[in-house]
PDB file of N, CA and C in Angstrom:
ATOM      1  N   UNK A   1       0.386 145.049 161.696  1.00  0.00           N
ATOM      2  CA  UNK A   1      -0.988 144.493 161.682  1.00  0.00           C
ATOM      3  C   UNK A   1      -1.345 144.508 160.122  1.00  0.00           C
ATOM      4  N   UNK A   2      -1.663 143.377 159.557  1.00  0.00           N
ATOM      5  CA  UNK A   2      -1.960 143.366 158.192  1.00  0.00           C
ATOM      6  C   UNK A   2      -2.999 142.403 157.920  1.00  0.00           C
ATOM      7  N   UNK A   3      -3.930 142.510 156.925  1.00  0.00           N
ATOM      8  CA  UNK A   3      -4.868 141.667 156.464  1.00  0.00           C
ATOM      9  C   UNK A   3      -4.489 141.091 155.219  1.00  0.00           C
ATOM     10  N   UNK A   4      -4.706 139.814 155.096  1.00  0.00           N
ATOM     11  CA  UNK A   4      -4.164 138.953 153.912  1.00  0.00           C
ATOM     12  C   UNK A   4      -5.338 138.369 153.074  1.00  0.00           C
ATOM     13  N   UNK A   5      -5.191 138.178 151.757  1.00  0.00           N
ATOM     14  CA  UNK A   5      -6.194 137.541 151.000  1.00  0.00           C
ATOM     15  C   UNK A   5      -5.417 136.617 150.036  1.00  0.00           C
ATOM     16  N   UNK A   6      -6.027 135.407 149.835  1.00  0.00           N
ATOM     17  CA  UNK A   6      -5.517 134.336 148.968  1.00  0.00           C
ATOM     18  C   UNK A   6      -6.296 134.582 147.549  1.00  0.00           C
ATOM     19  N   UNK A   7      -5.779 134.076 146.491  1.00  0.00           N
ATOM     20  CA  UNK A   7      -6.519 134.113 145.208  1.00  0.00           C
ATOM     21  C   UNK A   7      -7.894 133.395 145.337  1.00  0.00           C
ATOM     22  N   UNK A   8      -8.893 133.892 144.471  1.00  0.00           N
ATOM     23  CA  UNK A   8     -10.212 133.212 144.437  1.00  0.00           C
ATOM     24  C   UNK A   8     -10.219 132.029 143.691  1.00  0.00           C
ATOM     25  N   UNK A   9      -9.784 130.751 144.407  1.00  0.00           N
ATOM     26  CA  UNK A   9      -9.654 129.504 143.419  1.00  0.00           C
ATOM     27  C   UNK A   9     -10.453 128.510 144.251  1.00  0.00           C
ATOM     28  N   UNK A  10     -11.050 128.731 145.229  1.00  0.00           N
ATOM     29  CA  UNK A  10     -11.921 127.819 146.160  1.00  0.00           C
ATOM     30  C   UNK A  10     -13.204 127.821 145.653  1.00  0.00           C
ATOM     31  N   UNK A  11     -13.641 126.674 144.915  1.00  0.00           N
ATOM     32  CA  UNK A  11     -15.081 126.575 144.540  1.00  0.00           C
ATOM     33  C   UNK A  11     -16.079 126.340 145.515  1.00  0.00           C
ATOM     34  N   UNK A  12     -17.321 126.745 145.422  1.00  0.00           N
ATOM     35  CA  UNK A  12     -18.299 126.554 146.420  1.00  0.00           C
ATOM     36  C   UNK A  12     -19.561 127.348 145.986  1.00  0.00           C
ATOM     37  N   UNK A  13     -20.818 126.663 145.917  1.00  0.00           N
ATOM     38  CA  UNK A  13     -21.939 127.315 145.763  1.00  0.00           C
ATOM     39  C   UNK A  13     -22.120 128.059 144.455  1.00  0.00           C
ATOM     40  N   UNK A  14     -21.320 127.645 143.372  1.00  0.00           N
ATOM     41  CA  UNK A  14     -21.307 128.234 142.094  1.00  0.00           C
ATOM     42  C   UNK A  14     -20.371 129.324 142.026  1.00  0.00           C
ATOM     43  N   UNK A  15     -19.550 129.711 142.834  1.00  0.00           N
ATOM     44  CA  UNK A  15     -18.684 130.716 142.956  1.00  0.00           C
ATOM     45  C   UNK A  15     -17.263 130.328 143.324  1.00  0.00           C
ATOM     46  N   UNK A  16     -16.246 131.169 143.009  1.00  0.00           N
ATOM     47  CA  UNK A  16     -14.974 130.995 143.311  1.00  0.00           C
ATOM     48  C   UNK A  16     -14.789 131.907 144.589  1.00  0.00           C
ATOM     49  N   UNK A  17     -13.856 131.452 145.631  1.00  0.00           N
ATOM     50  CA  UNK A  17     -13.824 132.211 146.768  1.00  0.00           C
ATOM     51  C   UNK A  17     -12.491 132.378 147.315  1.00  0.00           C
ATOM     52  N   UNK A  18     -12.148 133.498 147.970  1.00  0.00           N
ATOM     53  CA  UNK A  18     -10.941 133.746 148.623  1.00  0.00           C
ATOM     54  C   UNK A  18     -11.020 133.598 150.011  1.00  0.00           C
ATOM     55  N   UNK A  19      -9.901 133.624 150.887  1.00  0.00           N
ATOM     56  CA  UNK A  19     -10.086 133.688 152.307  1.00  0.00           C
ATOM     57  C   UNK A  19      -9.332 134.964 152.903  1.00  0.00           C
ATOM     58  N   UNK A  20      -9.973 135.756 153.739  1.00  0.00           N
ATOM     59  CA  UNK A  20      -9.456 136.853 154.194  1.00  0.00           C
ATOM     60  C   UNK A  20      -9.113 136.723 155.652  1.00  0.00           C
ATOM     61  N   UNK A  21      -7.818 137.146 155.976  1.00  0.00           N
ATOM     62  CA  UNK A  21      -7.330 136.786 157.350  1.00  0.00           C
ATOM     63  C   UNK A  21      -6.584 137.867 157.924  1.00  0.00           C
ATOM     64  N   UNK A  22      -6.294 137.993 159.390  1.00  0.00           N
ATOM     65  CA  UNK A  22      -5.438 138.924 159.938  1.00  0.00           C
ATOM     66  C   UNK A  22      -4.323 138.326 160.582  1.00  0.00           C
ATOM     67  N   UNK A  23      -3.328 139.068 160.626  1.00  0.00           N
ATOM     68  CA  UNK A  23      -2.160 138.490 161.351  1.00  0.00           C
ATOM     69  C   UNK A  23      -1.979 139.216 162.748  1.00  0.00           C
ATOM     70  N   UNK A  24      -3.040 139.973 163.248  1.00  0.00           N
ATOM     71  CA  UNK A  24      -3.059 140.543 164.562  1.00  0.00           C
ATOM     72  C   UNK A  24      -4.225 140.317 165.370  1.00  0.00           C
ATOM     73  N   UNK A  25      -5.414 140.410 164.832  1.00  0.00           N
ATOM     74  CA  UNK A  25      -6.518 140.064 165.719  1.00  0.00           C
ATOM     75  C   UNK A  25      -7.788 139.740 164.969  1.00  0.00           C
ATOM     76  N   UNK A  26      -8.893 139.069 165.532  1.00  0.00           N
ATOM     77  CA  UNK A  26     -10.065 139.145 164.846  1.00  0.00           C
ATOM     78  C   UNK A  26     -10.907 140.344 164.899  1.00  0.00           C
ATOM     79  N   UNK A  27     -10.544 141.255 165.793  1.00  0.00           N
ATOM     80  CA  UNK A  27     -11.288 142.522 165.878  1.00  0.00           C
ATOM     81  C   UNK A  27     -10.875 143.443 164.556  1.00  0.00           C
ATOM     82  N   UNK A  28      -9.441 143.269 164.288  1.00  0.00           N
ATOM     83  CA  UNK A  28      -8.995 143.965 163.010  1.00  0.00           C
ATOM     84  C   UNK A  28      -9.711 143.307 161.646  1.00  0.00           C
ATOM     85  N   UNK A  29      -9.860 142.014 161.736  1.00  0.00           N
ATOM     86  CA  UNK A  29     -10.396 141.392 160.706  1.00  0.00           C
ATOM     87  C   UNK A  29     -11.783 141.680 160.442  1.00  0.00           C
ATOM     88  N   UNK A  30     -12.494 141.726 161.493  1.00  0.00           N
ATOM     89  CA  UNK A  30     -14.016 142.077 161.444  1.00  0.00           C
ATOM     90  C   UNK A  30     -14.113 143.427 160.888  1.00  0.00           C
ATOM     91  N   UNK A  31     -13.281 144.353 161.463  1.00  0.00           N
ATOM     92  CA  UNK A  31     -13.409 145.658 161.052  1.00  0.00           C
ATOM     93  C   UNK A  31     -13.098 146.001 159.726  1.00  0.00           C
ATOM     94  N   UNK A  32     -12.040 145.234 159.219  1.00  0.00           N
ATOM     95  CA  UNK A  32     -11.742 145.394 157.774  1.00  0.00           C
ATOM     96  C   UNK A  32     -12.836 144.778 156.778  1.00  0.00           C
ATOM     97  N   UNK A  33     -13.396 143.648 157.249  1.00  0.00           N
ATOM     98  CA  UNK A  33     -14.393 142.970 156.543  1.00  0.00           C
ATOM     99  C   UNK A  33     -15.604 143.744 156.307  1.00  0.00           C
ATOM    100  N   UNK A  34     -16.027 144.524 157.458  1.00  0.00           N
ATOM    101  CA  UNK A  34     -17.144 145.302 157.408  1.00  0.00           C
ATOM    102  C   UNK A  34     -16.980 146.458 156.538  1.00  0.00           C
ATOM    103  N   UNK A  35     -15.714 147.065 156.618  1.00  0.00           N
ATOM    104  CA  UNK A  35     -15.365 148.213 155.817  1.00  0.00           C
ATOM    105  C   UNK A  35     -15.581 147.942 154.281  1.00  0.00           C
ATOM    106  N   UNK A  36     -15.420 146.714 153.824  1.00  0.00           N
ATOM    107  CA  UNK A  36     -15.389 146.360 152.419  1.00  0.00           C
ATOM    108  C   UNK A  36     -16.791 145.723 152.128  1.00  0.00           C
ATOM    109  N   UNK A  37     -17.680 145.612 153.202  1.00  0.00           N
ATOM    110  CA  UNK A  37     -19.020 145.171 152.876  1.00  0.00           C
ATOM    111  C   UNK A  37     -19.424 143.512 153.072  1.00  0.00           C
ATOM    112  N   UNK A  38     -18.298 142.914 153.595  1.00  0.00           N
ATOM    113  CA  UNK A  38     -18.460 141.502 153.936  1.00  0.00           C
ATOM    114  C   UNK A  38     -19.479 141.360 155.126  1.00  0.00           C
ATOM    115  N   UNK A  39     -20.561 140.586 155.004  1.00  0.00           N
ATOM    116  CA  UNK A  39     -21.377 140.398 156.229  1.00  0.00           C
ATOM    117  C   UNK A  39     -20.712 139.459 157.220  1.00  0.00           C
ATOM    118  N   UNK A  40     -21.045 139.567 158.292  1.00  0.00           N
ATOM    119  CA  UNK A  40     -20.504 138.853 159.574  1.00  0.00           C
ATOM    120  C   UNK A  40     -20.762 137.260 159.249  1.00  0.00           C
ATOM    121  N   UNK A  41     -21.749 136.814 158.555  1.00  0.00           N
ATOM    122  CA  UNK A  41     -22.106 135.456 158.223  1.00  0.00           C
ATOM    123  C   UNK A  41     -21.119 134.861 157.467  1.00  0.00           C
ATOM    124  N   UNK A  42     -20.229 135.728 156.736  1.00  0.00           N
ATOM    125  CA  UNK A  42     -19.116 135.244 155.856  1.00  0.00           C
ATOM    126  C   UNK A  42     -17.928 134.739 156.668  1.00  0.00           C
ATOM    127  N   UNK A  43     -17.948 135.179 158.093  1.00  0.00           N
ATOM    128  CA  UNK A  43     -16.841 134.653 158.990  1.00  0.00           C
ATOM    129  C   UNK A  43     -16.937 133.036 159.225  1.00  0.00           C
ATOM    130  N   UNK A  44     -15.909 132.318 159.136  1.00  0.00           N
ATOM    131  CA  UNK A  44     -15.840 131.045 159.298  1.00  0.00           C
ATOM    132  C   UNK A  44     -14.654 130.520 160.202  1.00  0.00           C
ATOM    133  N   UNK A  45     -14.802 130.516 161.429  1.00  0.00           N
ATOM    134  CA  UNK A  45     -13.879 130.171 162.407  1.00  0.00           C
ATOM    135  C   UNK A  45     -12.604 131.110 162.757  1.00  0.00           C
ATOM    136  N   UNK A  46     -11.791 131.361 161.548  1.00  0.00           N
ATOM    137  CA  UNK A  46     -10.846 132.246 161.606  1.00  0.00           C
ATOM    138  C   UNK A  46     -10.498 133.142 160.262  1.00  0.00           C
ATOM    139  N   UNK A  47     -11.365 133.056 159.472  1.00  0.00           N
ATOM    140  CA  UNK A  47     -11.296 133.797 158.148  1.00  0.00           C
ATOM    141  C   UNK A  47     -12.598 134.187 157.569  1.00  0.00           C
ATOM    142  N   UNK A  48     -12.671 135.108 156.671  1.00  0.00           N
ATOM    143  CA  UNK A  48     -13.779 135.436 155.997  1.00  0.00           C
ATOM    144  C   UNK A  48     -13.719 134.753 154.580  1.00  0.00           C
ATOM    145  N   UNK A  49     -14.798 134.353 154.134  1.00  0.00           N
ATOM    146  CA  UNK A  49     -14.933 133.759 152.792  1.00  0.00           C
ATOM    147  C   UNK A  49     -15.402 135.086 151.952  1.00  0.00           C
ATOM    148  N   UNK A  50     -14.515 135.231 150.871  1.00  0.00           N
ATOM    149  CA  UNK A  50     -14.819 136.470 149.912  1.00  0.00           C
ATOM    150  C   UNK A  50     -15.021 135.880 148.629  1.00  0.00           C
ATOM    151  N   UNK A  51     -16.084 136.229 148.009  1.00  0.00           N
ATOM    152  CA  UNK A  51     -16.303 136.039 146.566  1.00  0.00           C
ATOM    153  C   UNK A  51     -15.397 136.585 145.692  1.00  0.00           C
ATOM    154  N   UNK A  52     -15.118 135.917 144.605  1.00  0.00           N
ATOM    155  CA  UNK A  52     -14.233 136.574 143.491  1.00  0.00           C
ATOM    156  C   UNK A  52     -14.623 138.003 143.172  1.00  0.00           C
ATOM    157  N   UNK A  53     -15.857 138.239 143.102  1.00  0.00           N
ATOM    158  CA  UNK A  53     -16.361 139.554 142.648  1.00  0.00           C
ATOM    159  C   UNK A  53     -15.932 140.589 143.688  1.00  0.00           C
ATOM    160  N   UNK A  54     -15.705 140.396 144.931  1.00  0.00           N
ATOM    161  CA  UNK A  54     -15.248 141.357 145.832  1.00  0.00           C
ATOM    162  C   UNK A  54     -13.627 141.262 146.175  1.00  0.00           C
ATOM    163  N   UNK A  55     -12.967 140.392 145.460  1.00  0.00           N
ATOM    164  CA  UNK A  55     -11.449 140.349 145.752  1.00  0.00           C
ATOM    165  C   UNK A  55     -10.770 141.578 145.501  1.00  0.00           C
ATOM    166  N   UNK A  56     -11.097 142.310 144.236  1.00  0.00           N
ATOM    167  CA  UNK A  56     -10.531 143.539 144.089  1.00  0.00           C
ATOM    168  C   UNK A  56     -10.836 144.625 145.167  1.00  0.00           C
ATOM    169  N   UNK A  57     -12.077 144.584 145.718  1.00  0.00           N
ATOM    170  CA  UNK A  57     -12.462 145.630 146.821  1.00  0.00           C
ATOM    171  C   UNK A  57     -11.577 145.254 148.037  1.00  0.00           C
ATOM    172  N   UNK A  58     -11.258 144.219 148.192  1.00  0.00           N
ATOM    173  CA  UNK A  58     -10.356 143.796 149.276  1.00  0.00           C
ATOM    174  C   UNK A  58      -9.031 144.314 149.255  1.00  0.00           C
ATOM    175  N   UNK A  59      -8.439 144.025 148.000  1.00  0.00           N
ATOM    176  CA  UNK A  59      -7.109 144.560 147.598  1.00  0.00           C
ATOM    177  C   UNK A  59      -6.975 146.008 147.707  1.00  0.00           C
ATOM    178  N   UNK A  60      -8.000 146.659 147.030  1.00  0.00           N
ATOM    179  CA  UNK A  60      -7.986 148.067 146.931  1.00  0.00           C
ATOM    180  C   UNK A  60      -7.959 148.803 148.391  1.00  0.00           C
ATOM    181  N   UNK A  61      -8.767 148.023 149.218  1.00  0.00           N
ATOM    182  CA  UNK A  61      -8.790 148.574 150.579  1.00  0.00           C
ATOM    183  C   UNK A  61      -7.620 148.250 151.512  1.00  0.00           C
ATOM    184  N   UNK A  62      -6.604 147.536 150.884  1.00  0.00           N
ATOM    185  CA  UNK A  62      -5.317 147.323 151.593  1.00  0.00           C
ATOM    186  C   UNK A  62      -4.899 145.875 151.994  1.00  0.00           C
ATOM    187  N   UNK A  63      -5.878 144.994 151.619  1.00  0.00           N
ATOM    188  CA  UNK A  63      -5.537 143.390 151.956  1.00  0.00           C
ATOM    189  C   UNK A  63      -4.382 143.205 151.032  1.00  0.00           C
ATOM    190  N   UNK A  64      -3.321 142.478 151.474  1.00  0.00           N
ATOM    191  CA  UNK A  64      -2.129 141.985 150.920  1.00  0.00           C
ATOM    192  C   UNK A  64      -2.306 140.658 150.223  1.00  0.00           C
ATOM    193  N   UNK A  65      -2.226 140.573 149.022  1.00  0.00           N
ATOM    194  CA  UNK A  65      -2.312 139.398 148.113  1.00  0.00           C
ATOM    195  C   UNK A  65      -1.144 138.369 148.440  1.00  0.00           C
ATOM    196  N   UNK A  66      -1.570 137.340 148.821  1.00  0.00           N
ATOM    197  CA  UNK A  66      -0.626 136.087 149.170  1.00  0.00           C
ATOM    198  C   UNK A  66      -1.208 134.740 148.571  1.00  0.00           C
ATOM    199  N   UNK A  67      -0.256 133.870 148.481  1.00  0.00           N
ATOM    200  CA  UNK A  67      -0.747 132.449 148.171  1.00  0.00           C
ATOM    201  C   UNK A  67      -1.517 131.928 149.370  1.00  0.00           C
ATOM    202  N   UNK A  68      -1.956 130.640 149.178  1.00  0.00           N
ATOM    203  CA  UNK A  68      -2.928 129.993 150.180  1.00  0.00           C
ATOM    204  C   UNK A  68      -2.096 129.586 151.154  1.00  0.00           C
ATOM    205  N   UNK A  69      -0.850 128.839 150.788  1.00  0.00           N
ATOM    206  CA  UNK A  69       0.063 128.327 151.890  1.00  0.00           C
ATOM    207  C   UNK A  69       0.659 129.366 152.763  1.00  0.00           C
ATOM    208  N   UNK A  70       1.067 130.573 152.212  1.00  0.00           N
ATOM    209  CA  UNK A  70       1.505 131.785 152.752  1.00  0.00           C
ATOM    210  C   UNK A  70       0.445 132.309 153.944  1.00  0.00           C
ATOM    211  N   UNK A  71      -0.853 132.310 153.374  1.00  0.00           N
ATOM    212  CA  UNK A  71      -2.006 132.991 154.226  1.00  0.00           C
ATOM    213  C   UNK A  71      -2.061 132.014 155.415  1.00  0.00           C
ATOM    214  N   UNK A  72      -1.973 130.831 155.297  1.00  0.00           N
ATOM    215  CA  UNK A  72      -2.154 129.710 156.398  1.00  0.00           C
ATOM    216  C   UNK A  72      -0.918 129.841 157.285  1.00  0.00           C
ATOM    217  N   UNK A  73       0.345 130.073 156.721  1.00  0.00           N
ATOM    218  CA  UNK A  73       1.383 130.267 157.579  1.00  0.00           C
ATOM    219  C   UNK A  73       1.222 131.360 158.556  1.00  0.00           C
ATOM    220  N   UNK A  74       0.903 132.497 157.943  1.00  0.00           N
ATOM    221  CA  UNK A  74       0.765 133.905 158.506  1.00  0.00           C
ATOM    222  C   UNK A  74      -0.331 133.791 159.878  1.00  0.00           C
ATOM    223  N   UNK A  75      -1.354 133.110 159.352  1.00  0.00           N
ATOM    224  CA  UNK A  75      -2.579 132.960 160.351  1.00  0.00           C
ATOM    225  C   UNK A  75      -2.107 131.917 161.387  1.00  0.00           C
ATOM    226  N   UNK A  76      -1.357 130.937 161.180  1.00  0.00           N
ATOM    227  CA  UNK A  76      -0.902 129.989 162.274  1.00  0.00           C
ATOM    228  C   UNK A  76       0.141 130.754 163.115  1.00  0.00           C
ATOM    229  N   UNK A  77       1.110 131.490 162.574  1.00  0.00           N
ATOM    230  CA  UNK A  77       2.117 132.097 163.308  1.00  0.00           C
ATOM    231  C   UNK A  77       1.435 133.151 164.216  1.00  0.00           C
ATOM    232  N   UNK A  78       0.471 133.869 163.757  1.00  0.00           N
ATOM    233  CA  UNK A  78      -0.245 134.927 164.594  1.00  0.00           C
ATOM    234  C   UNK A  78      -0.943 134.203 165.794  1.00  0.00           C
ATOM    235  N   UNK A  79      -1.257 132.901 165.888  1.00  0.00           N
ATOM    236  CA  UNK A  79      -1.914 132.325 166.980  1.00  0.00           C
ATOM    237  C   UNK A  79      -3.415 132.331 166.606  1.00  0.00           C
ATOM    238  N   UNK A  80      -3.765 132.688 165.436  1.00  0.00           N
ATOM    239  CA  UNK A  80      -5.299 132.781 165.295  1.00  0.00           C
ATOM    240  C   UNK A  80      -5.979 131.689 164.443  1.00  0.00           C
ATOM    241  N   UNK A  81      -5.242 130.629 164.201  1.00  0.00           N
ATOM    242  CA  UNK A  81      -5.780 129.520 163.477  1.00  0.00           C
ATOM    243  C   UNK A  81      -6.834 128.782 164.413  1.00  0.00           C
ATOM    244  N   UNK A  82      -7.877 128.526 163.920  1.00  0.00           N
ATOM    245  CA  UNK A  82      -8.805 127.696 164.514  1.00  0.00           C
ATOM    246  C   UNK A  82      -9.125 126.576 163.549  1.00  0.00           C
ATOM    247  N   UNK A  83      -8.498 125.503 163.718  1.00  0.00           N
ATOM    248  CA  UNK A  83      -8.917 124.335 162.670  1.00  0.00           C
ATOM    249  C   UNK A  83     -10.262 123.822 163.095  1.00  0.00           C
ATOM    250  N   UNK A  84     -10.791 123.139 162.054  1.00  0.00           N
ATOM    251  CA  UNK A  84     -11.973 122.269 162.198  1.00  0.00           C
ATOM    252  C   UNK A  84     -11.865 121.132 163.031  1.00  0.00           C
ATOM    253  N   UNK A  85     -12.940 121.076 163.895  1.00  0.00           N
ATOM    254  CA  UNK A  85     -12.779 120.048 164.887  1.00  0.00           C
ATOM    255  C   UNK A  85     -12.862 118.587 164.204  1.00  0.00           C
ATOM    256  N   UNK A  86     -12.055 117.734 164.710  1.00  0.00           N
ATOM    257  CA  UNK A  86     -11.993 116.432 164.194  1.00  0.00           C
ATOM    258  C   UNK A  86     -12.552 115.392 165.032  1.00  0.00           C
ATOM    259  N   UNK A  87     -13.143 114.252 164.707  1.00  0.00           N
ATOM    260  CA  UNK A  87     -13.666 113.388 165.632  1.00  0.00           C
ATOM    261  C   UNK A  87     -14.902 113.466 165.880  1.00  0.00           C
ATOM    262  N   UNK A  88     -15.470 112.762 166.823  1.00  0.00           N
ATOM    263  CA  UNK A  88     -16.788 112.793 167.309  1.00  0.00           C
ATOM    264  C   UNK A  88     -17.233 113.944 168.169  1.00  0.00           C
ATOM    265  N   UNK A  89     -18.304 114.493 168.083  1.00  0.00           N
ATOM    266  CA  UNK A  89     -18.654 115.750 168.687  1.00  0.00           C
ATOM    267  C   UNK A  89     -18.824 115.344 170.289  1.00  0.00           C
ATOM    268  N   UNK A  90     -18.440 116.484 171.166  1.00  0.00           N
ATOM    269  CA  UNK A  90     -18.521 116.427 172.596  1.00  0.00           C
ATOM    270  C   UNK A  90     -19.947 116.039 173.013  1.00  0.00           C
ATOM    271  N   UNK A  91     -20.157 115.297 173.881  1.00  0.00           N
ATOM    272  CA  UNK A  91     -21.599 115.123 174.549  1.00  0.00           C
ATOM    273  C   UNK A  91     -21.774 115.779 175.880  1.00  0.00           C
ATOM    274  N   UNK A  92     -22.984 116.172 176.099  1.00  0.00           N
ATOM    275  CA  UNK A  92     -23.156 116.670 177.470  1.00  0.00           C
ATOM    276  C   UNK A  92     -23.529 115.764 178.469  1.00  0.00           C
TER     277      UNK A  92
END
């Protein structure tokens, strides 16, 4: 069980962001994120968005640094990938 983080290269809201994922479970991911001070609102479907200022905190706590493609591969192989929904929204 490992938590991975990619480099903070994703721009948004005036910051650069990393993605934090687990290769085991969302429970592991939520616990790790809480331990480094990431609020639950930073969780987006299958990952946490981590600002560049918190990157070193995640690595110091044990997150393994990988490239974005490797991070996605590990997330997908773990069966935890939840892609954005495409197409029209479902209706009731």
